[in-house]
Amino acid sequence: MSALTGHVSDYLAMRRALGYKLERAGQLLPQLVSYLEARGAPTITAELAIAWARLPGHATPNHWAQRLAVARGFAGYLKTIDPATEVPPAGVFPARRHRPAPYLWSEEEVCCLLREAGTLRPRLRAATHQALFGLLAATGMRIGEAIALGRDDVDLHAGVITIRHAKFDRERLVPLHLTVTGALARVSCAQQRGARR
């Protein structure tokens, strides 16, 4: 194993221990090391990192910018170990990330959705969908977080939900308004009655 390969392993292990998944970096950094070694470079130079990031040549500048961002992160780490390392500059490629603007539901729209969900059959399905949509609207939770909740994650007495695997695999607490805890308590009762039938 080369020194650069060892540094990549150490870098990924350290960042993952901090909670980052780094799946893309885990794929790209070995490619960067192979590129550098094929050119006889003992460390990262800005010129070589930019040339590597520009691969493949037919890709978009946004793709190149993402590759360079991975190289920059590793180069910043490597510079603390090897002062000869050059950290490539940011903004080399004109990348634009276009995120669609989120749609904010009005109170009237949320009420309409909850009413319509209440018409579903059987009644347990209606109660479940009303609880899910109401919880999303009242707390701002992500849909995946809400669906992954277990009974032990919801404490109606304390008025708090524990999300075990939030963004970056962190745990977070979501406080609940009294109206939400009341609605969830009613759904829980309905589920228990449905289970007994």
N, C-alpha and C. Protein backbone atom coordinates (compact mmCIF):
# COMPACT_ATOMS: atom_id res chain seq x y z
N MET A 1 0.85 -1.18 0.00
CA MET A 1 0.00 0.00 0.00
C MET A 1 0.89 1.24 0.00
N SER A 2 0.57 2.20 -0.88
CA SER A 2 1.36 3.42 -0.96
C SER A 2 1.01 4.35 0.20
N ALA A 3 1.86 5.36 0.42
CA ALA A 3 1.61 6.32 1.49
C ALA A 3 0.31 7.07 1.24
N LEU A 4 0.06 7.45 -0.01
CA LEU A 4 -1.17 8.18 -0.32
C LEU A 4 -2.42 7.33 -0.06
N THR A 5 -2.33 6.05 -0.41
CA THR A 5 -3.46 5.14 -0.16
C THR A 5 -3.72 5.04 1.34
N GLY A 6 -2.66 4.95 2.12
CA GLY A 6 -2.81 4.91 3.58
C GLY A 6 -3.43 6.18 4.12
N HIS A 7 -3.03 7.32 3.57
CA HIS A 7 -3.61 8.59 4.01
C HIS A 7 -5.09 8.69 3.65
N VAL A 8 -5.47 8.15 2.49
CA VAL A 8 -6.88 8.13 2.10
C VAL A 8 -7.67 7.30 3.12
N SER A 9 -7.15 6.13 3.48
CA SER A 9 -7.84 5.27 4.47
C SER A 9 -7.99 5.99 5.80
N ASP A 10 -6.92 6.66 6.25
CA ASP A 10 -6.98 7.38 7.53
C ASP A 10 -7.97 8.54 7.47
N TYR A 11 -7.96 9.27 6.36
CA TYR A 11 -8.86 10.41 6.18
C TYR A 11 -10.31 9.96 6.22
N LEU A 12 -10.63 8.92 5.46
CA LEU A 12 -12.01 8.42 5.42
C LEU A 12 -12.44 7.90 6.79
N ALA A 13 -11.56 7.17 7.46
CA ALA A 13 -11.89 6.63 8.79
C ALA A 13 -12.17 7.77 9.78
N MET A 14 -11.33 8.81 9.74
CA MET A 14 -11.51 9.92 10.66
C MET A 14 -12.82 10.65 10.39
N ARG A 15 -13.12 10.96 9.14
CA ARG A 15 -14.34 11.70 8.80
C ARG A 15 -15.58 10.85 9.08
N ARG A 16 -15.49 9.54 8.81
CA ARG A 16 -16.65 8.68 9.09
C ARG A 16 -16.89 8.55 10.59
N ALA A 17 -15.83 8.59 11.38
CA ALA A 17 -15.98 8.55 12.83
C ALA A 17 -16.70 9.80 13.33
N LEU A 18 -16.63 10.89 12.55
CA LEU A 18 -17.33 12.13 12.90
C LEU A 18 -18.77 12.14 12.41
N GLY A 19 -19.19 11.06 11.73
CA GLY A 19 -20.58 10.94 11.31
C GLY A 19 -20.83 11.14 9.83
N TYR A 20 -19.79 11.41 9.03
CA TYR A 20 -19.97 11.59 7.59
C TYR A 20 -19.91 10.24 6.90
N LYS A 21 -20.78 10.03 5.92
CA LYS A 21 -20.78 8.75 5.21
C LYS A 21 -19.69 8.68 4.16
N LEU A 22 -19.49 9.76 3.42
CA LEU A 22 -18.43 9.88 2.42
C LEU A 22 -18.40 8.73 1.41
N GLU A 23 -19.57 8.34 0.95
CA GLU A 23 -19.63 7.25 -0.03
C GLU A 23 -18.97 7.66 -1.34
N ARG A 24 -19.27 8.88 -1.79
CA ARG A 24 -18.68 9.37 -3.04
C ARG A 24 -17.16 9.52 -2.89
N ALA A 25 -16.73 10.09 -1.78
CA ALA A 25 -15.29 10.25 -1.55
C ALA A 25 -14.60 8.90 -1.48
N GLY A 26 -15.27 7.92 -0.90
CA GLY A 26 -14.70 6.58 -0.82
C GLY A 26 -14.48 5.95 -2.18
N GLN A 27 -15.29 6.36 -3.17
CA GLN A 27 -15.11 5.86 -4.53
C GLN A 27 -14.08 6.68 -5.30
N LEU A 28 -14.10 8.00 -5.11
CA LEU A 28 -13.28 8.88 -5.94
C LEU A 28 -11.83 9.01 -5.47
N LEU A 29 -11.59 9.00 -4.17
CA LEU A 29 -10.22 9.24 -3.70
C LEU A 29 -9.24 8.15 -4.15
N PRO A 30 -9.60 6.87 -4.16
CA PRO A 30 -8.66 5.89 -4.72
C PRO A 30 -8.36 6.16 -6.20
N GLN A 31 -9.34 6.67 -6.94
CA GLN A 31 -9.09 7.03 -8.34
C GLN A 31 -8.10 8.19 -8.43
N LEU A 32 -8.26 9.17 -7.54
CA LEU A 32 -7.33 10.30 -7.51
C LEU A 32 -5.92 9.82 -7.21
N VAL A 33 -5.79 8.93 -6.24
CA VAL A 33 -4.46 8.40 -5.88
C VAL A 33 -3.84 7.67 -7.07
N SER A 34 -4.63 6.85 -7.75
CA SER A 34 -4.12 6.13 -8.94
C SER A 34 -3.66 7.12 -10.00
N TYR A 35 -4.42 8.18 -10.20
CA TYR A 35 -4.08 9.21 -11.18
C TYR A 35 -2.75 9.87 -10.81
N LEU A 36 -2.60 10.24 -9.54
CA LEU A 36 -1.37 10.88 -9.08
C LEU A 36 -0.17 9.95 -9.22
N GLU A 37 -0.34 8.69 -8.81
CA GLU A 37 0.76 7.73 -8.86
C GLU A 37 1.17 7.43 -10.30
N ALA A 38 0.20 7.40 -11.22
CA ALA A 38 0.52 7.15 -12.63
C ALA A 38 1.36 8.29 -13.21
N ARG A 39 1.28 9.46 -12.60
CA ARG A 39 2.06 10.60 -13.06
C ARG A 39 3.29 10.83 -12.20
N GLY A 40 3.56 9.91 -11.30
CA GLY A 40 4.76 9.98 -10.46
C GLY A 40 4.72 11.08 -9.42
N ALA A 41 3.54 11.54 -9.07
CA ALA A 41 3.42 12.63 -8.08
C ALA A 41 3.35 12.04 -6.68
N PRO A 42 4.21 12.47 -5.77
CA PRO A 42 4.18 11.93 -4.41
C PRO A 42 3.07 12.52 -3.55
N THR A 43 2.48 13.63 -3.99
CA THR A 43 1.40 14.27 -3.23
C THR A 43 0.49 15.02 -4.21
N ILE A 44 -0.50 15.68 -3.68
CA ILE A 44 -1.46 16.41 -4.52
C ILE A 44 -0.89 17.76 -4.91
N THR A 45 -0.99 18.08 -6.19
CA THR A 45 -0.72 19.44 -6.66
C THR A 45 -2.03 20.00 -7.20
N ALA A 46 -2.16 21.31 -7.18
CA ALA A 46 -3.39 21.92 -7.67
C ALA A 46 -3.60 21.58 -9.14
N GLU A 47 -2.53 21.62 -9.91
CA GLU A 47 -2.63 21.35 -11.35
C GLU A 47 -3.13 19.93 -11.62
N LEU A 48 -2.57 18.95 -10.92
CA LEU A 48 -2.98 17.56 -11.14
C LEU A 48 -4.40 17.31 -10.62
N ALA A 49 -4.74 17.91 -9.50
CA ALA A 49 -6.09 17.72 -8.95
C ALA A 49 -7.14 18.28 -9.90
N ILE A 50 -6.86 19.43 -10.49
CA ILE A 50 -7.80 20.03 -11.44
C ILE A 50 -7.90 19.19 -12.70
N ALA A 51 -6.75 18.69 -13.18
CA ALA A 51 -6.76 17.83 -14.38
C ALA A 51 -7.56 16.56 -14.11
N TRP A 52 -7.39 15.96 -12.93
CA TRP A 52 -8.13 14.75 -12.57
C TRP A 52 -9.63 15.05 -12.45
N ALA A 53 -9.95 16.18 -11.83
CA ALA A 53 -11.36 16.54 -11.63
C ALA A 53 -12.06 16.73 -12.97
N ARG A 54 -11.32 17.13 -14.00
CA ARG A 54 -11.91 17.42 -15.30
C ARG A 54 -12.20 16.14 -16.10
N LEU A 55 -12.09 15.01 -15.47
CA LEU A 55 -12.38 13.73 -16.14
C LEU A 55 -13.80 13.29 -15.77
N PRO A 56 -14.51 12.69 -16.66
CA PRO A 56 -14.25 12.61 -18.09
C PRO A 56 -14.48 13.96 -18.77
N GLY A 57 -13.83 14.13 -19.90
CA GLY A 57 -13.85 15.41 -20.58
C GLY A 57 -15.22 15.85 -21.06
N HIS A 58 -16.13 14.91 -21.30
CA HIS A 58 -17.46 15.26 -21.80
C HIS A 58 -18.47 15.55 -20.69
N ALA A 59 -18.04 15.44 -19.43
CA ALA A 59 -18.96 15.66 -18.30
C ALA A 59 -19.27 17.15 -18.14
N THR A 60 -20.20 17.43 -17.26
CA THR A 60 -20.61 18.82 -17.02
C THR A 60 -19.66 19.48 -16.02
N PRO A 61 -19.57 20.82 -16.05
CA PRO A 61 -18.77 21.52 -15.05
C PRO A 61 -19.23 21.22 -13.62
N ASN A 62 -20.52 20.96 -13.44
CA ASN A 62 -21.01 20.62 -12.10
C ASN A 62 -20.40 19.30 -11.62
N HIS A 63 -20.28 18.33 -12.53
CA HIS A 63 -19.65 17.05 -12.21
C HIS A 63 -18.18 17.27 -11.83
N TRP A 64 -17.50 18.08 -12.61
CA TRP A 64 -16.08 18.37 -12.33
C TRP A 64 -15.93 19.07 -10.98
N ALA A 65 -16.84 20.00 -10.69
CA ALA A 65 -16.77 20.73 -9.42
C ALA A 65 -16.95 19.78 -8.24
N GLN A 66 -17.83 18.80 -8.38
CA GLN A 66 -18.03 17.83 -7.29
C GLN A 66 -16.77 16.99 -7.08
N ARG A 67 -16.14 16.59 -8.17
CA ARG A 67 -14.90 15.81 -8.05
C ARG A 67 -13.80 16.65 -7.40
N LEU A 68 -13.71 17.92 -7.81
CA LEU A 68 -12.68 18.77 -7.24
C LEU A 68 -12.94 19.04 -5.76
N ALA A 69 -14.21 19.13 -5.36
CA ALA A 69 -14.54 19.33 -3.95
C ALA A 69 -14.05 18.15 -3.11
N VAL A 70 -14.17 16.95 -3.64
CA VAL A 70 -13.67 15.76 -2.93
C VAL A 70 -12.15 15.84 -2.81
N ALA A 71 -11.48 16.21 -3.89
CA ALA A 71 -10.02 16.34 -3.87
C ALA A 71 -9.59 17.44 -2.91
N ARG A 72 -10.31 18.55 -2.88
CA ARG A 72 -9.97 19.67 -1.99
C ARG A 72 -10.07 19.26 -0.52
N GLY A 73 -11.13 18.52 -0.19
CA GLY A 73 -11.29 18.07 1.20
C GLY A 73 -10.13 17.20 1.65
N PHE A 74 -9.75 16.26 0.79
CA PHE A 74 -8.64 15.38 1.13
C PHE A 74 -7.33 16.16 1.16
N ALA A 75 -7.15 17.09 0.21
CA ALA A 75 -5.91 17.87 0.16
C ALA A 75 -5.75 18.72 1.42
N GLY A 76 -6.85 19.28 1.91
CA GLY A 76 -6.78 20.06 3.15
C GLY A 76 -6.30 19.22 4.33
N TYR A 77 -6.79 17.99 4.39
CA TYR A 77 -6.34 17.05 5.43
C TYR A 77 -4.87 16.70 5.23
N LEU A 78 -4.50 16.37 3.99
CA LEU A 78 -3.14 15.91 3.69
C LEU A 78 -2.11 17.00 3.94
N LYS A 79 -2.49 18.26 3.75
CA LYS A 79 -1.56 19.37 3.95
C LYS A 79 -1.09 19.45 5.39
N THR A 80 -1.90 18.99 6.34
CA THR A 80 -1.49 19.00 7.75
C THR A 80 -0.40 17.96 8.02
N ILE A 81 -0.32 16.96 7.14
CA ILE A 81 0.68 15.90 7.27
C ILE A 81 1.89 16.17 6.39
N ASP A 82 1.61 16.64 5.17
CA ASP A 82 2.65 16.88 4.16
C ASP A 82 2.54 18.32 3.66
N PRO A 83 3.39 19.23 4.16
CA PRO A 83 3.30 20.65 3.76
C PRO A 83 3.49 20.89 2.27
N ALA A 84 4.04 19.91 1.54
CA ALA A 84 4.22 20.07 0.09
C ALA A 84 2.90 19.93 -0.67
N THR A 85 1.87 19.45 0.00
CA THR A 85 0.56 19.29 -0.63
C THR A 85 -0.03 20.65 -1.00
N GLU A 86 -0.59 20.74 -2.19
CA GLU A 86 -1.28 21.96 -2.62
C GLU A 86 -2.79 21.72 -2.57
N VAL A 87 -3.50 22.64 -1.95
CA VAL A 87 -4.96 22.55 -1.92
C VAL A 87 -5.47 23.33 -3.14
N PRO A 88 -6.15 22.65 -4.06
CA PRO A 88 -6.64 23.36 -5.25
C PRO A 88 -7.64 24.45 -4.87
N PRO A 89 -7.67 25.53 -5.62
CA PRO A 89 -8.60 26.62 -5.28
C PRO A 89 -10.06 26.22 -5.54
N ALA A 90 -10.94 26.88 -4.83
CA ALA A 90 -12.37 26.68 -5.04
C ALA A 90 -12.82 27.52 -6.23
N GLY A 91 -13.95 27.17 -6.80
CA GLY A 91 -14.53 27.98 -7.87
C GLY A 91 -13.84 27.85 -9.21
N VAL A 92 -13.09 26.79 -9.43
CA VAL A 92 -12.40 26.60 -10.71
C VAL A 92 -13.42 26.34 -11.82
N PHE A 93 -14.44 25.56 -11.49
CA PHE A 93 -15.46 25.20 -12.48
C PHE A 93 -16.75 25.95 -12.17
N PRO A 94 -17.40 26.50 -13.20
CA PRO A 94 -18.64 27.26 -12.97
C PRO A 94 -19.82 26.32 -12.70
N ALA A 95 -19.93 25.88 -11.48
CA ALA A 95 -20.98 24.92 -11.13
C ALA A 95 -22.15 25.65 -10.50
N ARG A 96 -23.33 25.23 -10.87
CA ARG A 96 -24.55 25.78 -10.28
C ARG A 96 -25.42 24.63 -9.81
N ARG A 97 -25.77 24.70 -8.56
CA ARG A 97 -26.70 23.71 -8.03
C ARG A 97 -28.08 24.34 -8.00
N HIS A 98 -28.99 23.75 -8.73
CA HIS A 98 -30.35 24.28 -8.75
C HIS A 98 -31.24 23.38 -7.90
N ARG A 99 -31.64 23.92 -6.78
CA ARG A 99 -32.58 23.20 -5.94
C ARG A 99 -33.96 23.81 -6.14
N PRO A 100 -34.94 22.98 -6.38
CA PRO A 100 -36.28 23.55 -6.54
C PRO A 100 -36.74 24.19 -5.23
N ALA A 101 -37.45 25.28 -5.34
CA ALA A 101 -37.98 25.95 -4.15
C ALA A 101 -39.04 25.05 -3.53
N PRO A 102 -38.99 24.85 -2.23
CA PRO A 102 -40.00 24.00 -1.60
C PRO A 102 -41.38 24.65 -1.65
N TYR A 103 -42.38 23.83 -1.78
CA TYR A 103 -43.75 24.33 -1.78
C TYR A 103 -44.24 24.36 -0.34
N LEU A 104 -44.68 25.49 0.11
CA LEU A 104 -45.21 25.63 1.47
C LEU A 104 -46.73 25.55 1.43
N TRP A 105 -47.24 24.53 2.09
CA TRP A 105 -48.69 24.32 2.12
C TRP A 105 -49.34 25.34 3.04
N SER A 106 -50.46 25.84 2.61
CA SER A 106 -51.22 26.76 3.46
C SER A 106 -51.97 25.93 4.51
N GLU A 107 -52.44 26.62 5.54
CA GLU A 107 -53.22 25.93 6.57
C GLU A 107 -54.48 25.32 5.96
N GLU A 108 -55.09 26.03 5.03
CA GLU A 108 -56.30 25.53 4.38
C GLU A 108 -56.00 24.25 3.59
N GLU A 109 -54.88 24.22 2.88
CA GLU A 109 -54.51 23.03 2.11
C GLU A 109 -54.23 21.84 3.01
N VAL A 110 -53.56 22.08 4.14
CA VAL A 110 -53.27 21.00 5.09
C VAL A 110 -54.58 20.46 5.65
N CYS A 111 -55.48 21.34 6.02
CA CYS A 111 -56.79 20.90 6.55
C CYS A 111 -57.55 20.08 5.52
N CYS A 112 -57.51 20.51 4.27
CA CYS A 112 -58.20 19.79 3.20
C CYS A 112 -57.59 18.39 3.02
N LEU A 113 -56.25 18.32 3.05
CA LEU A 113 -55.58 17.02 2.92
C LEU A 113 -55.98 16.09 4.07
N LEU A 114 -56.00 16.61 5.28
CA LEU A 114 -56.36 15.78 6.44
C LEU A 114 -57.82 15.32 6.36
N ARG A 115 -58.70 16.20 5.88
CA ARG A 115 -60.11 15.81 5.71
C ARG A 115 -60.22 14.67 4.70
N GLU A 116 -59.55 14.81 3.57
CA GLU A 116 -59.61 13.78 2.52
C GLU A 116 -58.99 12.47 3.01
N ALA A 117 -57.89 12.57 3.77
CA ALA A 117 -57.27 11.35 4.31
C ALA A 117 -58.25 10.65 5.24
N GLY A 118 -59.10 11.41 5.90
CA GLY A 118 -60.09 10.83 6.81
C GLY A 118 -61.17 10.03 6.10
N THR A 119 -61.27 10.16 4.79
CA THR A 119 -62.29 9.40 4.05
C THR A 119 -61.78 8.03 3.59
N LEU A 120 -60.51 7.76 3.82
CA LEU A 120 -59.96 6.46 3.41
C LEU A 120 -60.61 5.33 4.20
N ARG A 121 -60.63 4.16 3.61
CA ARG A 121 -61.16 2.96 4.27
C ARG A 121 -60.12 1.87 4.22
N PRO A 122 -59.98 1.05 5.20
CA PRO A 122 -60.73 1.04 6.46
C PRO A 122 -60.36 2.25 7.34
N ARG A 123 -61.07 2.41 8.43
CA ARG A 123 -60.91 3.58 9.30
C ARG A 123 -59.50 3.66 9.88
N LEU A 124 -58.88 2.52 10.12
CA LEU A 124 -57.52 2.54 10.67
C LEU A 124 -56.55 3.17 9.66
N ARG A 125 -56.75 2.88 8.37
CA ARG A 125 -55.91 3.49 7.33
C ARG A 125 -56.10 5.01 7.33
N ALA A 126 -57.34 5.44 7.46
CA ALA A 126 -57.63 6.87 7.49
C ALA A 126 -56.93 7.54 8.67
N ALA A 127 -57.05 6.93 9.85
CA ALA A 127 -56.43 7.50 11.05
C ALA A 127 -54.91 7.54 10.92
N THR A 128 -54.34 6.49 10.33
CA THR A 128 -52.89 6.43 10.16
C THR A 128 -52.40 7.52 9.23
N HIS A 129 -53.08 7.70 8.09
CA HIS A 129 -52.67 8.73 7.13
C HIS A 129 -52.88 10.13 7.69
N GLN A 130 -53.95 10.34 8.41
CA GLN A 130 -54.16 11.64 9.04
C GLN A 130 -53.05 11.94 10.04
N ALA A 131 -52.66 10.93 10.82
CA ALA A 131 -51.59 11.13 11.79
C ALA A 131 -50.26 11.43 11.10
N LEU A 132 -49.97 10.69 10.04
CA LEU A 132 -48.71 10.91 9.32
C LEU A 132 -48.66 12.30 8.71
N PHE A 133 -49.70 12.67 7.96
CA PHE A 133 -49.70 13.99 7.30
C PHE A 133 -49.73 15.12 8.33
N GLY A 134 -50.49 14.93 9.40
CA GLY A 134 -50.54 15.95 10.45
C GLY A 134 -49.19 16.11 11.13
N LEU A 135 -48.53 15.00 11.37
CA LEU A 135 -47.21 15.04 12.02
C LEU A 135 -46.20 15.76 11.13
N LEU A 136 -46.22 15.48 9.84
CA LEU A 136 -45.31 16.16 8.91
C LEU A 136 -45.58 17.66 8.89
N ALA A 137 -46.85 18.02 8.86
CA ALA A 137 -47.20 19.44 8.79
C ALA A 137 -46.86 20.17 10.09
N ALA A 138 -47.06 19.50 11.23
CA ALA A 138 -46.87 20.16 12.52
C ALA A 138 -45.41 20.23 12.97
N THR A 139 -44.59 19.28 12.50
CA THR A 139 -43.22 19.21 13.02
C THR A 139 -42.15 19.53 11.99
N GLY A 140 -42.47 19.41 10.69
CA GLY A 140 -41.44 19.62 9.68
C GLY A 140 -40.50 18.44 9.52
N MET A 141 -40.87 17.30 10.08
CA MET A 141 -40.04 16.10 9.93
C MET A 141 -39.96 15.69 8.47
N ARG A 142 -38.90 14.98 8.13
CA ARG A 142 -38.80 14.39 6.80
C ARG A 142 -39.68 13.15 6.75
N ILE A 143 -40.19 12.83 5.57
CA ILE A 143 -41.09 11.69 5.43
C ILE A 143 -40.41 10.40 5.89
N GLY A 144 -39.13 10.21 5.54
CA GLY A 144 -38.42 9.00 5.95
C GLY A 144 -38.28 8.90 7.46
N GLU A 145 -38.10 10.05 8.12
CA GLU A 145 -38.00 10.05 9.58
C GLU A 145 -39.32 9.64 10.21
N ALA A 146 -40.41 10.17 9.67
CA ALA A 146 -41.73 9.86 10.24
C ALA A 146 -42.09 8.39 10.04
N ILE A 147 -41.81 7.87 8.85
CA ILE A 147 -42.15 6.47 8.56
C ILE A 147 -41.32 5.51 9.40
N ALA A 148 -40.09 5.90 9.73
CA ALA A 148 -39.19 5.02 10.48
C ALA A 148 -39.45 5.03 11.99
N LEU A 149 -40.36 5.87 12.45
CA LEU A 149 -40.62 5.95 13.90
C LEU A 149 -41.18 4.64 14.44
N GLY A 150 -40.72 4.28 15.63
CA GLY A 150 -41.27 3.15 16.36
C GLY A 150 -42.04 3.65 17.56
N ARG A 151 -42.78 2.77 18.21
CA ARG A 151 -43.57 3.18 19.39
C ARG A 151 -42.70 3.80 20.47
N ASP A 152 -41.50 3.27 20.68
CA ASP A 152 -40.63 3.79 21.73
C ASP A 152 -40.06 5.16 21.41
N ASP A 153 -40.19 5.61 20.16
CA ASP A 153 -39.64 6.91 19.76
C ASP A 153 -40.60 8.06 20.09
N VAL A 154 -41.84 7.73 20.41
CA VAL A 154 -42.86 8.75 20.66
C VAL A 154 -43.24 8.74 22.14
N ASP A 155 -42.94 9.84 22.82
CA ASP A 155 -43.29 9.98 24.23
C ASP A 155 -44.38 11.05 24.34
N LEU A 156 -45.62 10.60 24.38
CA LEU A 156 -46.75 11.55 24.41
C LEU A 156 -46.84 12.28 25.74
N HIS A 157 -46.37 11.65 26.83
CA HIS A 157 -46.43 12.31 28.14
C HIS A 157 -45.45 13.48 28.20
N ALA A 158 -44.25 13.29 27.66
CA ALA A 158 -43.25 14.37 27.65
C ALA A 158 -43.47 15.32 26.47
N GLY A 159 -44.25 14.87 25.47
CA GLY A 159 -44.50 15.69 24.30
C GLY A 159 -43.28 15.83 23.40
N VAL A 160 -42.60 14.70 23.17
CA VAL A 160 -41.39 14.75 22.36
C VAL A 160 -41.25 13.47 21.55
N ILE A 161 -40.71 13.63 20.34
CA ILE A 161 -40.39 12.48 19.48
C ILE A 161 -38.88 12.41 19.36
N THR A 162 -38.34 11.21 19.47
CA THR A 162 -36.90 10.99 19.27
C THR A 162 -36.68 10.40 17.89
N ILE A 163 -35.96 11.13 17.07
CA ILE A 163 -35.59 10.62 15.75
C ILE A 163 -34.21 10.02 15.89
N ARG A 164 -34.12 8.71 15.73
CA ARG A 164 -32.87 7.99 15.99
C ARG A 164 -31.83 8.19 14.89
N HIS A 165 -32.27 8.30 13.66
CA HIS A 165 -31.32 8.42 12.54
C HIS A 165 -31.71 9.60 11.67
N ALA A 166 -31.45 10.81 12.18
CA ALA A 166 -31.72 12.02 11.42
C ALA A 166 -30.59 12.22 10.41
N LYS A 167 -30.57 13.38 9.78
CA LYS A 167 -29.53 13.69 8.79
C LYS A 167 -28.16 13.52 9.41
N PHE A 168 -27.23 12.97 8.65
CA PHE A 168 -25.88 12.65 9.11
C PHE A 168 -25.91 11.60 10.22
N ASP A 169 -26.98 10.80 10.27
CA ASP A 169 -27.13 9.69 11.21
C ASP A 169 -27.07 10.15 12.67
N ARG A 170 -27.55 11.35 12.92
CA ARG A 170 -27.57 11.88 14.28
C ARG A 170 -28.93 11.63 14.90
N GLU A 171 -28.97 11.71 16.22
CA GLU A 171 -30.24 11.60 16.94
C GLU A 171 -30.70 13.02 17.27
N ARG A 172 -32.00 13.27 17.10
CA ARG A 172 -32.52 14.59 17.47
C ARG A 172 -33.90 14.44 18.09
N LEU A 173 -34.27 15.45 18.87
CA LEU A 173 -35.56 15.47 19.55
C LEU A 173 -36.46 16.49 18.88
N VAL A 174 -37.73 16.12 18.70
CA VAL A 174 -38.72 17.01 18.10
C VAL A 174 -39.82 17.26 19.12
N PRO A 175 -39.95 18.49 19.62
CA PRO A 175 -41.02 18.78 20.58
C PRO A 175 -42.37 18.81 19.89
N LEU A 176 -43.40 18.42 20.63
CA LEU A 176 -44.76 18.36 20.08
C LEU A 176 -45.67 19.34 20.79
N HIS A 177 -46.52 19.99 20.03
CA HIS A 177 -47.55 20.86 20.60
C HIS A 177 -48.62 19.97 21.25
N LEU A 178 -49.32 20.50 22.23
CA LEU A 178 -50.35 19.72 22.92
C LEU A 178 -51.41 19.20 21.97
N THR A 179 -51.75 19.95 20.93
CA THR A 179 -52.76 19.49 19.98
C THR A 179 -52.25 18.27 19.20
N VAL A 180 -50.95 18.22 18.97
CA VAL A 180 -50.37 17.08 18.25
C VAL A 180 -50.35 15.84 19.14
N THR A 181 -49.95 16.00 20.40
CA THR A 181 -49.94 14.84 21.30
C THR A 181 -51.34 14.29 21.48
N GLY A 182 -52.35 15.18 21.54
CA GLY A 182 -53.74 14.72 21.67
C GLY A 182 -54.18 13.93 20.45
N ALA A 183 -53.83 14.43 19.26
CA ALA A 183 -54.21 13.72 18.02
C ALA A 183 -53.51 12.38 17.94
N LEU A 184 -52.23 12.34 18.31
CA LEU A 184 -51.49 11.06 18.26
C LEU A 184 -52.04 10.07 19.29
N ALA A 185 -52.47 10.56 20.43
CA ALA A 185 -53.06 9.67 21.45
C ALA A 185 -54.34 9.05 20.91
N ARG A 186 -55.14 9.84 20.19
CA ARG A 186 -56.39 9.31 19.62
C ARG A 186 -56.09 8.23 18.57
N VAL A 187 -55.06 8.46 17.76
CA VAL A 187 -54.69 7.47 16.74
C VAL A 187 -54.21 6.19 17.41
N SER A 188 -53.43 6.34 18.48
CA SER A 188 -52.93 5.17 19.19
C SER A 188 -54.09 4.34 19.75
N CYS A 189 -55.09 5.01 20.29
CA CYS A 189 -56.28 4.31 20.80
C CYS A 189 -57.00 3.59 19.66
N ALA A 190 -57.12 4.26 18.51
CA ALA A 190 -57.80 3.65 17.36
C ALA A 190 -57.04 2.43 16.87
N GLN A 191 -55.73 2.52 16.88
CA GLN A 191 -54.92 1.36 16.43
C GLN A 191 -55.10 0.19 17.40
N GLN A 192 -55.12 0.49 18.69
CA GLN A 192 -55.29 -0.59 19.66
C GLN A 192 -56.67 -1.25 19.52
N ARG A 193 -57.69 -0.42 19.28
CA ARG A 193 -59.03 -1.01 19.06
C ARG A 193 -59.05 -1.85 17.80
N GLY A 194 -58.38 -1.38 16.74
CA GLY A 194 -58.33 -2.14 15.49
C GLY A 194 -57.60 -3.44 15.64
N ALA A 195 -56.55 -3.44 16.46
CA ALA A 195 -55.77 -4.66 16.67
C ALA A 195 -56.57 -5.71 17.46
N ARG A 196 -57.49 -5.26 18.30
CA ARG A 196 -58.27 -6.19 19.11
C ARG A 196 -59.40 -6.84 18.32
N ARG A 197 -59.74 -6.22 17.18
CA ARG A 197 -60.86 -6.78 16.38
C ARG A 197 -60.44 -7.98 15.58
